[in-house]
Amino acid sequence: MLAEMSIEITVLGSGTSVGVPTIGCSCAVCLSSDFRDKRLRPSILIKFSSGTNDYQVVIDTTPDLRQQALNADIRTLDAILYTHSHADHIMGLDDVRPFNYGRKERIPVYGRPDTIAALKRVFPYAFEGEAKHPGGVPRLVANEIGSDPVDLFGLIFQPVSLQHGPHEIIGYRFGRAAYLTDHSDIPESSLPLLQELDVLFLDALRHEPHPMHTTVDRALSWVEELRPNKAFLTHICHDVSHAKTTAELPSHVRLAHDGLRIEVR
């Protein structure tokens, strides 16, 4: 990473796969008037400058991408990184189309080989030539990644291996920040990649155990072990009240909420 690079993270969505409020639910959180309890599907925007240019990268394209882009006033998009291929993380890909308007180059997309294969299966037209699809479709170029760092415009993104129930997925470290979502476990081999962080995002679905996700208490135990300066819990379901849970957290740990902006240096 370039020295003294300033990074701004915007939380586009902090919710679980069905979002909050959940369709048909009348629980206290789904009926809450607290804007922090309104959670779109999980994604972040990363803004940074390299040389004289500004760049914007998103991690995952949720089914709410159009609304997230409007909410965050995203006008340009330079790259997309994927954690895995579950529907709540990829199904907004078609809404990338407007970011291609006026742009000569295809937008680069990065993910594990299985994720790239799923994207090409679900959205084949986004990766095919203009002659076959001359109209309004996303224009993307796929890049398969493994465990090696990826240099995007001077900012290094280090894939971090995670367990999502039986599935192996990835999170990303970039500079002194890391974004981990949809994990039930963090392998020992990944822990050295998560040292000396200013900002750490962790999955914290709910208080009760879940086979695919982390509880709030388990996330707090990782915070204690990894000792980031600040930690934000995300991928939150309607079992978790923002105000009530925040009041119970250590001072350096907060629930993420949609629209939250964080500076990282």
C-alpha atoms as a PDB file:
ATOM      1  CA  MET A   1       0.000   0.000   0.000  1.00  0.00           C
ATOM      2  CA  LEU A   2       1.163   3.524  -0.738  1.00  0.00           C
ATOM      3  CA  ALA A   3       2.431   5.423   2.297  1.00  0.00           C
ATOM      4  CA  GLU A   4      -0.017   7.736   4.041  1.00  0.00           C
ATOM      5  CA  MET A   5      -2.961   6.545   1.941  1.00  0.00           C
ATOM      6  CA  SER A   6      -6.278   7.695   3.353  1.00  0.00           C
ATOM      7  CA  ILE A   7      -9.148   5.227   3.096  1.00  0.00           C
ATOM      8  CA  GLU A   8     -12.842   5.865   3.700  1.00  0.00           C
ATOM      9  CA  ILE A   9     -15.186   2.931   4.262  1.00  0.00           C
ATOM     10  CA  THR A  10     -18.942   3.352   3.811  1.00  0.00           C
ATOM     11  CA  VAL A  11     -21.224   0.596   5.078  1.00  0.00           C
ATOM     12  CA  LEU A  12     -23.695   0.042   2.242  1.00  0.00           C
ATOM     13  CA  GLY A  13     -25.526  -2.717   4.070  1.00  0.00           C
ATOM     14  CA  SER A  14     -25.179  -4.281   7.517  1.00  0.00           C
ATOM     15  CA  GLY A  15     -28.016  -6.806   7.422  1.00  0.00           C
ATOM     16  CA  THR A  16     -28.342 -10.530   6.962  1.00  0.00           C
ATOM     17  CA  SER A  17     -29.478 -12.322   3.801  1.00  0.00           C
ATOM     18  CA  VAL A  18     -33.158 -11.312   4.084  1.00  0.00           C
ATOM     19  CA  GLY A  19     -32.483  -7.797   5.342  1.00  0.00           C
ATOM     20  CA  VAL A  20     -34.118  -5.959   8.241  1.00  0.00           C
ATOM     21  CA  PRO A  21     -37.073  -5.428   8.457  1.00  0.00           C
ATOM     22  CA  THR A  22     -37.732  -9.001   7.436  1.00  0.00           C
ATOM     23  CA  ILE A  23     -40.741  -9.556   5.159  1.00  0.00           C
ATOM     24  CA  GLY A  24     -43.845 -10.394   7.159  1.00  0.00           C
ATOM     25  CA  CYS A  25     -42.209  -9.907  10.567  1.00  0.00           C
ATOM     26  CA  SER A  26     -43.675  -7.769  13.350  1.00  0.00           C
ATOM     27  CA  CYS A  27     -40.915  -8.165  15.956  1.00  0.00           C
ATOM     28  CA  ALA A  28     -39.646  -5.140  17.892  1.00  0.00           C
ATOM     29  CA  VAL A  29     -36.572  -4.655  15.688  1.00  0.00           C
ATOM     30  CA  CYS A  30     -38.478  -4.981  12.410  1.00  0.00           C
ATOM     31  CA  LEU A  31     -40.973  -2.367  13.672  1.00  0.00           C
ATOM     32  CA  SER A  32     -38.252  -0.142  15.166  1.00  0.00           C
ATOM     33  CA  SER A  33     -38.173   3.545  14.247  1.00  0.00           C
ATOM     34  CA  ASP A  34     -34.376   3.634  14.790  1.00  0.00           C
ATOM     35  CA  PHE A  35     -32.790   4.104  11.351  1.00  0.00           C
ATOM     36  CA  ARG A  36     -29.877   1.948  12.514  1.00  0.00           C
ATOM     37  CA  ASP A  37     -32.234  -1.039  12.658  1.00  0.00           C
ATOM     38  CA  LYS A  38     -32.962  -0.708   8.904  1.00  0.00           C
ATOM     39  CA  ARG A  39     -30.403  -3.031   7.336  1.00  0.00           C
ATOM     40  CA  LEU A  40     -29.839  -3.740   3.657  1.00  0.00           C
ATOM     41  CA  ARG A  41     -27.818  -6.761   2.594  1.00  0.00           C
ATOM     42  CA  PRO A  42     -24.085  -6.777   3.542  1.00  0.00           C
ATOM     43  CA  SER A  43     -21.611  -4.745   1.496  1.00  0.00           C
ATOM     44  CA  ILE A  44     -19.096  -1.914   1.842  1.00  0.00           C
ATOM     45  CA  LEU A  45     -17.702   0.830  -0.389  1.00  0.00           C
ATOM     46  CA  ILE A  46     -13.992   1.681  -0.145  1.00  0.00           C
ATOM     47  CA  LYS A  47     -12.803   5.096  -1.348  1.00  0.00           C
ATOM     48  CA  PHE A  48      -9.121   5.983  -1.617  1.00  0.00           C
ATOM     49  CA  SER A  49      -6.703   8.168  -3.564  1.00  0.00           C
ATOM     50  CA  SER A  50      -3.618   6.955  -5.389  1.00  0.00           C
ATOM     51  CA  GLY A  51      -1.390   9.560  -6.965  1.00  0.00           C
ATOM     52  CA  THR A  52      -3.696  12.195  -8.425  1.00  0.00           C
ATOM     53  CA  ASN A  53      -6.631   9.829  -8.932  1.00  0.00           C
ATOM     54  CA  ASP A  54      -9.537   8.816  -6.711  1.00  0.00           C
ATOM     55  CA  TYR A  55     -10.884   5.266  -6.742  1.00  0.00           C
ATOM     56  CA  GLN A  56     -13.980   3.465  -5.518  1.00  0.00           C
ATOM     57  CA  VAL A  57     -14.211  -0.277  -4.928  1.00  0.00           C
ATOM     58  CA  VAL A  58     -17.121  -2.306  -3.559  1.00  0.00           C
ATOM     59  CA  ILE A  59     -16.989  -5.638  -1.783  1.00  0.00           C
ATOM     60  CA  ASP A  60     -19.971  -7.716  -2.993  1.00  0.00           C
ATOM     61  CA  THR A  61     -22.958  -6.637  -5.100  1.00  0.00           C
ATOM     62  CA  THR A  62     -26.048  -7.336  -3.044  1.00  0.00           C
ATOM     63  CA  PRO A  63     -29.657  -7.471  -4.333  1.00  0.00           C
ATOM     64  CA  ASP A  64     -29.926  -3.965  -2.829  1.00  0.00           C
ATOM     65  CA  LEU A  65     -27.031  -2.524  -4.862  1.00  0.00           C
ATOM     66  CA  ARG A  66     -29.139   0.007  -6.775  1.00  0.00           C
ATOM     67  CA  GLN A  67     -30.579   1.487  -3.585  1.00  0.00           C
ATOM     68  CA  GLN A  68     -27.218   1.327  -1.828  1.00  0.00           C
ATOM     69  CA  ALA A  69     -25.534   3.224  -4.660  1.00  0.00           C
ATOM     70  CA  LEU A  70     -28.223   5.893  -4.584  1.00  0.00           C
ATOM     71  CA  ASN A  71     -28.056   6.175  -0.797  1.00  0.00           C
ATOM     72  CA  ALA A  72     -24.265   6.589  -0.842  1.00  0.00           C
ATOM     73  CA  ASP A  73     -24.249   8.765  -3.988  1.00  0.00           C
ATOM     74  CA  ILE A  74     -21.847   6.419  -5.793  1.00  0.00           C
ATOM     75  CA  ARG A  75     -21.182   7.947  -9.229  1.00  0.00           C
ATOM     76  CA  THR A  76     -18.258   5.790 -10.404  1.00  0.00           C
ATOM     77  CA  LEU A  77     -17.016   2.289  -9.704  1.00  0.00           C
ATOM     78  CA  ASP A  78     -13.502   1.073 -10.454  1.00  0.00           C
ATOM     79  CA  ALA A  79     -13.515  -2.562  -9.273  1.00  0.00           C
ATOM     80  CA  ILE A  80     -15.585  -5.200  -7.479  1.00  0.00           C
ATOM     81  CA  LEU A  81     -14.281  -7.733  -4.976  1.00  0.00           C
ATOM     82  CA  TYR A  82     -16.312 -10.771  -3.948  1.00  0.00           C
ATOM     83  CA  THR A  83     -16.274 -12.748  -0.727  1.00  0.00           C
ATOM     84  CA  HIS A  84     -18.345 -15.668  -2.060  1.00  0.00           C
ATOM     85  CA  SER A  85     -21.216 -16.478  -4.400  1.00  0.00           C
ATOM     86  CA  HIS A  86     -24.279 -16.693  -2.151  1.00  0.00           C
ATOM     87  CA  ALA A  87     -27.282 -14.833  -3.544  1.00  0.00           C
ATOM     88  CA  ASP A  88     -27.227 -12.006  -0.995  1.00  0.00           C
ATOM     89  CA  HIS A  89     -23.685 -11.148  -2.132  1.00  0.00           C
ATOM     90  CA  ILE A  90     -23.929 -11.359  -5.938  1.00  0.00           C
ATOM     91  CA  MET A  91     -27.476 -10.842  -7.182  1.00  0.00           C
ATOM     92  CA  GLY A  92     -27.211  -7.081  -7.665  1.00  0.00           C
ATOM     93  CA  LEU A  93     -24.495  -7.444 -10.289  1.00  0.00           C
ATOM     94  CA  ASP A  94     -26.764  -6.386 -13.150  1.00  0.00           C
ATOM     95  CA  ASP A  95     -27.173  -2.986 -11.471  1.00  0.00           C
ATOM     96  CA  VAL A  96     -23.506  -2.269 -12.207  1.00  0.00           C
ATOM     97  CA  ARG A  97     -24.605  -1.290 -15.746  1.00  0.00           C
ATOM     98  CA  PRO A  98     -24.799   2.489 -15.172  1.00  0.00           C
ATOM     99  CA  PHE A  99     -21.195   2.496 -13.969  1.00  0.00           C
ATOM    100  CA  ASN A 100     -20.190   1.355 -17.470  1.00  0.00           C
ATOM    101  CA  TYR A 101     -21.829   4.372 -19.102  1.00  0.00           C
ATOM    102  CA  GLY A 102     -19.127   6.647 -20.475  1.00  0.00           C
ATOM    103  CA  ARG A 103     -16.406   4.223 -19.447  1.00  0.00           C
ATOM    104  CA  LYS A 104     -14.225   2.638 -22.136  1.00  0.00           C
ATOM    105  CA  GLU A 105     -12.678  -0.129 -20.034  1.00  0.00           C
ATOM    106  CA  ARG A 106     -14.555  -3.051 -18.568  1.00  0.00           C
ATOM    107  CA  ILE A 107     -14.882  -3.014 -14.780  1.00  0.00           C
ATOM    108  CA  PRO A 108     -12.595  -5.633 -13.203  1.00  0.00           C
ATOM    109  CA  VAL A 109     -14.179  -8.227 -10.917  1.00  0.00           C
ATOM    110  CA  TYR A 110     -12.170 -10.348  -8.456  1.00  0.00           C
ATOM    111  CA  GLY A 111     -13.071 -13.536  -6.591  1.00  0.00           C
ATOM    112  CA  ARG A 112     -12.167 -17.125  -5.872  1.00  0.00           C
ATOM    113  CA  PRO A 113     -12.442 -19.475  -8.891  1.00  0.00           C
ATOM    114  CA  ASP A 114     -15.715 -20.946  -7.629  1.00  0.00           C
ATOM    115  CA  THR A 115     -17.172 -17.453  -7.189  1.00  0.00           C
ATOM    116  CA  ILE A 116     -16.106 -16.339 -10.663  1.00  0.00           C
ATOM    117  CA  ALA A 117     -17.599 -19.533 -12.134  1.00  0.00           C
ATOM    118  CA  ALA A 118     -20.906 -18.803 -10.384  1.00  0.00           C
ATOM    119  CA  LEU A 119     -20.954 -15.201 -11.636  1.00  0.00           C
ATOM    120  CA  LYS A 120     -20.368 -16.356 -15.215  1.00  0.00           C
ATOM    121  CA  ARG A 121     -23.119 -18.955 -14.875  1.00  0.00           C
ATOM    122  CA  VAL A 122     -25.698 -16.500 -13.476  1.00  0.00           C
ATOM    123  CA  PHE A 123     -24.635 -13.405 -15.478  1.00  0.00           C
ATOM    124  CA  PRO A 124     -22.946 -14.781 -18.646  1.00  0.00           C
ATOM    125  CA  TYR A 125     -23.857 -11.691 -20.669  1.00  0.00           C
ATOM    126  CA  ALA A 126     -21.780  -9.442 -18.375  1.00  0.00           C
ATOM    127  CA  PHE A 127     -18.564 -11.178 -19.416  1.00  0.00           C
ATOM    128  CA  GLU A 128     -19.254 -11.729 -23.131  1.00  0.00           C
ATOM    129  CA  GLY A 129     -18.284  -9.546 -26.076  1.00  0.00           C
ATOM    130  CA  GLU A 130     -20.091  -6.419 -27.219  1.00  0.00           C
ATOM    131  CA  ALA A 131     -20.959  -8.022 -30.558  1.00  0.00           C
ATOM    132  CA  LYS A 132     -23.203 -10.543 -28.801  1.00  0.00           C
ATOM    133  CA  HIS A 133     -24.742  -7.988 -26.406  1.00  0.00           C
ATOM    134  CA  PRO A 134     -24.513  -4.482 -27.915  1.00  0.00           C
ATOM    135  CA  GLY A 135     -27.210  -3.054 -25.618  1.00  0.00           C
ATOM    136  CA  GLY A 136     -27.391  -2.224 -21.949  1.00  0.00           C
ATOM    137  CA  VAL A 137     -25.523  -4.919 -20.059  1.00  0.00           C
ATOM    138  CA  PRO A 138     -22.713  -4.776 -17.509  1.00  0.00           C
ATOM    139  CA  ARG A 139     -19.279  -4.881 -19.122  1.00  0.00           C
ATOM    140  CA  LEU A 140     -16.984  -6.768 -16.782  1.00  0.00           C
ATOM    141  CA  VAL A 141     -13.707  -8.661 -16.857  1.00  0.00           C
ATOM    142  CA  ALA A 142     -13.259 -11.587 -14.455  1.00  0.00           C
ATOM    143  CA  ASN A 143     -10.106 -12.158 -12.406  1.00  0.00           C
ATOM    144  CA  GLU A 144      -9.657 -15.331 -10.383  1.00  0.00           C
ATOM    145  CA  ILE A 145      -7.701 -14.892  -7.163  1.00  0.00           C
ATOM    146  CA  GLY A 146      -6.224 -17.229  -4.592  1.00  0.00           C
ATOM    147  CA  SER A 147      -4.292 -16.410  -1.447  1.00  0.00           C
ATOM    148  CA  ASP A 148      -1.936 -13.856  -3.018  1.00  0.00           C
ATOM    149  CA  PRO A 149      -2.474 -10.116  -2.504  1.00  0.00           C
ATOM    150  CA  VAL A 150      -4.248  -8.121  -5.206  1.00  0.00           C
ATOM    151  CA  ASP A 151      -2.992  -4.634  -6.090  1.00  0.00           C
ATOM    152  CA  LEU A 152      -5.887  -2.371  -7.051  1.00  0.00           C
ATOM    153  CA  PHE A 153      -4.641   1.050  -8.118  1.00  0.00           C
ATOM    154  CA  GLY A 154      -1.949   1.079  -5.424  1.00  0.00           C
ATOM    155  CA  LEU A 155      -4.030  -0.313  -2.555  1.00  0.00           C
ATOM    156  CA  ILE A 156      -3.224  -3.917  -1.639  1.00  0.00           C
ATOM    157  CA  PHE A 157      -6.117  -6.255  -0.870  1.00  0.00           C
ATOM    158  CA  GLN A 158      -5.053  -9.402   0.965  1.00  0.00           C
ATOM    159  CA  PRO A 159      -7.566 -12.278   0.781  1.00  0.00           C
ATOM    160  CA  VAL A 160      -8.284 -13.782   4.204  1.00  0.00           C
ATOM    161  CA  SER A 161      -9.531 -17.372   4.319  1.00  0.00           C
ATOM    162  CA  LEU A 162     -12.721 -17.912   6.377  1.00  0.00           C
ATOM    163  CA  GLN A 163     -15.151 -20.721   7.124  1.00  0.00           C
ATOM    164  CA  HIS A 164     -18.842 -20.098   6.369  1.00  0.00           C
ATOM    165  CA  GLY A 165     -20.316 -23.289   7.781  1.00  0.00           C
ATOM    166  CA  PRO A 166     -18.959 -26.017   5.451  1.00  0.00           C
ATOM    167  CA  HIS A 167     -17.892 -23.489   2.806  1.00  0.00           C
ATOM    168  CA  GLU A 168     -14.514 -21.814   2.451  1.00  0.00           C
ATOM    169  CA  ILE A 169     -14.885 -18.132   1.559  1.00  0.00           C
ATOM    170  CA  ILE A 170     -12.708 -15.051   1.863  1.00  0.00           C
ATOM    171  CA  GLY A 171     -12.636 -11.673   3.506  1.00  0.00           C
ATOM    172  CA  TYR A 172     -10.124  -8.920   2.742  1.00  0.00           C
ATOM    173  CA  ARG A 173      -7.491  -6.922   4.547  1.00  0.00           C
ATOM    174  CA  PHE A 174      -6.594  -3.578   2.987  1.00  0.00           C
ATOM    175  CA  GLY A 175      -4.145  -1.274   4.706  1.00  0.00           C
ATOM    176  CA  ARG A 176      -4.966  -1.276   8.412  1.00  0.00           C
ATOM    177  CA  ALA A 177      -8.556  -2.386   7.879  1.00  0.00           C
ATOM    178  CA  ALA A 178     -10.166  -5.781   7.316  1.00  0.00           C
ATOM    179  CA  TYR A 179     -13.670  -6.775   6.238  1.00  0.00           C
ATOM    180  CA  LEU A 180     -14.845 -10.235   7.275  1.00  0.00           C
ATOM    181  CA  THR A 181     -18.456 -11.232   6.738  1.00  0.00           C
ATOM    182  CA  ASP A 182     -20.466 -14.481   6.650  1.00  0.00           C
ATOM    183  CA  HIS A 183     -18.017 -16.446   8.764  1.00  0.00           C
ATOM    184  CA  SER A 184     -18.630 -19.107  11.359  1.00  0.00           C
ATOM    185  CA  ASP A 185     -14.916 -19.513  12.043  1.00  0.00           C
ATOM    186  CA  ILE A 186     -11.602 -17.819  11.355  1.00  0.00           C
ATOM    187  CA  PRO A 187      -8.893 -20.417  10.696  1.00  0.00           C
ATOM    188  CA  GLU A 188      -5.708 -20.165  12.749  1.00  0.00           C
ATOM    189  CA  SER A 189      -3.750 -19.641   9.539  1.00  0.00           C
ATOM    190  CA  SER A 190      -5.675 -16.403   8.889  1.00  0.00           C
ATOM    191  CA  LEU A 191      -5.041 -14.797  12.274  1.00  0.00           C
ATOM    192  CA  PRO A 192      -1.552 -13.437  11.399  1.00  0.00           C
ATOM    193  CA  LEU A 193      -3.180 -11.456   8.561  1.00  0.00           C
ATOM    194  CA  LEU A 194      -5.442  -9.681  11.072  1.00  0.00           C
ATOM    195  CA  GLN A 195      -2.854  -8.160  13.380  1.00  0.00           C
ATOM    196  CA  GLU A 196      -2.276  -4.420  13.999  1.00  0.00           C
ATOM    197  CA  LEU A 197      -5.598  -3.288  12.572  1.00  0.00           C
ATOM    198  CA  ASP A 198      -7.216   0.081  13.067  1.00  0.00           C
ATOM    199  CA  VAL A 199     -10.604  -1.202  11.874  1.00  0.00           C
ATOM    200  CA  LEU A 200     -11.960  -4.751  11.846  1.00  0.00           C
ATOM    201  CA  PHE A 201     -15.394  -5.813  10.580  1.00  0.00           C
ATOM    202  CA  LEU A 202     -16.702  -9.131  11.877  1.00  0.00           C
ATOM    203  CA  ASP A 203     -19.826 -11.212  11.275  1.00  0.00           C
ATOM    204  CA  ALA A 204     -22.179 -11.129  14.298  1.00  0.00           C
ATOM    205  CA  LEU A 205     -25.509 -12.480  13.118  1.00  0.00           C
ATOM    206  CA  ARG A 206     -27.266 -12.761  16.479  1.00  0.00           C
ATOM    207  CA  HIS A 207     -26.821 -13.875  20.094  1.00  0.00           C
ATOM    208  CA  GLU A 208     -27.967 -17.478  19.572  1.00  0.00           C
ATOM    209  CA  PRO A 209     -25.657 -19.975  17.791  1.00  0.00           C
ATOM    210  CA  HIS A 210     -26.043 -20.493  14.057  1.00  0.00           C
ATOM    211  CA  PRO A 211     -24.303 -23.127  11.895  1.00  0.00           C
ATOM    212  CA  MET A 212     -23.191 -20.615   9.246  1.00  0.00           C
ATOM    213  CA  HIS A 213     -22.488 -17.437  11.219  1.00  0.00           C
ATOM    214  CA  THR A 214     -20.840 -16.008  14.307  1.00  0.00           C
ATOM    215  CA  THR A 215     -22.615 -14.892  17.468  1.00  0.00           C
ATOM    216  CA  VAL A 216     -22.073 -11.492  19.046  1.00  0.00           C
ATOM    217  CA  ASP A 217     -20.180 -13.094  21.955  1.00  0.00           C
ATOM    218  CA  ARG A 218     -17.900 -15.095  19.629  1.00  0.00           C
ATOM    219  CA  ALA A 219     -17.160 -11.962  17.615  1.00  0.00           C
ATOM    220  CA  LEU A 220     -16.197 -10.192  20.845  1.00  0.00           C
ATOM    221  CA  SER A 221     -13.798 -13.006  21.696  1.00  0.00           C
ATOM    222  CA  TRP A 222     -12.038 -12.472  18.354  1.00  0.00           C
ATOM    223  CA  VAL A 223     -11.877  -8.741  19.045  1.00  0.00           C
ATOM    224  CA  GLU A 224     -10.202  -9.508  22.360  1.00  0.00           C
ATOM    225  CA  GLU A 225      -7.727 -11.844  20.660  1.00  0.00           C
ATOM    226  CA  LEU A 226      -6.920  -9.672  17.631  1.00  0.00           C
ATOM    227  CA  ARG A 227      -7.017  -6.333  19.487  1.00  0.00           C
ATOM    228  CA  PRO A 228      -7.977  -3.913  16.683  1.00  0.00           C
ATOM    229  CA  ASN A 229      -8.309  -0.268  17.638  1.00  0.00           C
ATOM    230  CA  LYS A 230     -11.955  -0.377  16.564  1.00  0.00           C
ATOM    231  CA  ALA A 231     -14.287  -3.221  15.634  1.00  0.00           C
ATOM    232  CA  PHE A 232     -17.636  -3.137  13.855  1.00  0.00           C
ATOM    233  CA  LEU A 233     -20.096  -6.026  13.866  1.00  0.00           C
ATOM    234  CA  THR A 234     -22.067  -6.640  10.680  1.00  0.00           C
ATOM    235  CA  HIS A 235     -24.348  -9.134   8.871  1.00  0.00           C
ATOM    236  CA  ILE A 236     -26.884  -8.548  11.668  1.00  0.00           C
ATOM    237  CA  CYS A 237     -30.356 -10.109  11.791  1.00  0.00           C
ATOM    238  CA  HIS A 238     -33.583  -8.882  13.355  1.00  0.00           C
ATOM    239  CA  ASP A 239     -32.815 -10.590  16.680  1.00  0.00           C
ATOM    240  CA  VAL A 240     -30.381  -7.765  17.477  1.00  0.00           C
ATOM    241  CA  SER A 241     -31.529  -4.288  18.521  1.00  0.00           C
ATOM    242  CA  HIS A 242     -28.958  -1.651  17.622  1.00  0.00           C
ATOM    243  CA  ALA A 243     -29.492   0.558  20.663  1.00  0.00           C
ATOM    244  CA  LYS A 244     -29.786  -2.234  23.230  1.00  0.00           C
ATOM    245  CA  THR A 245     -26.824  -4.229  21.938  1.00  0.00           C
ATOM    246  CA  THR A 246     -24.576  -1.186  21.493  1.00  0.00           C
ATOM    247  CA  ALA A 247     -25.133  -0.259  25.151  1.00  0.00           C
ATOM    248  CA  GLU A 248     -23.760  -3.675  26.141  1.00  0.00           C
ATOM    249  CA  LEU A 249     -20.605  -3.580  23.973  1.00  0.00           C
ATOM    250  CA  PRO A 250     -17.089  -2.440  24.923  1.00  0.00           C
ATOM    251  CA  SER A 251     -16.348   1.179  23.994  1.00  0.00           C
ATOM    252  CA  HIS A 252     -14.167   0.232  20.998  1.00  0.00           C
ATOM    253  CA  VAL A 253     -16.771  -2.146  19.506  1.00  0.00           C
ATOM    254  CA  ARG A 254     -19.920  -1.009  17.721  1.00  0.00           C
ATOM    255  CA  LEU A 255     -22.630  -2.456  15.579  1.00  0.00           C
ATOM    256  CA  ALA A 256     -22.248  -1.315  11.998  1.00  0.00           C
ATOM    257  CA  HIS A 257     -25.234   0.439  10.468  1.00  0.00           C
ATOM    258  CA  ASP A 258     -26.158   1.367   6.923  1.00  0.00           C
ATOM    259  CA  GLY A 259     -24.576   4.659   5.904  1.00  0.00           C
ATOM    260  CA  LEU A 260     -21.820   4.537   8.523  1.00  0.00           C
ATOM    261  CA  ARG A 261     -18.584   6.118   7.282  1.00  0.00           C
ATOM    262  CA  ILE A 262     -15.197   5.302   8.792  1.00  0.00           C
ATOM    263  CA  GLU A 263     -11.823   6.916   8.090  1.00  0.00           C
ATOM    264  CA  VAL A 264      -8.778   4.626   8.086  1.00  0.00           C
ATOM    265  CA  ARG A 265      -5.193   5.840   7.937  1.00  0.00           C
END
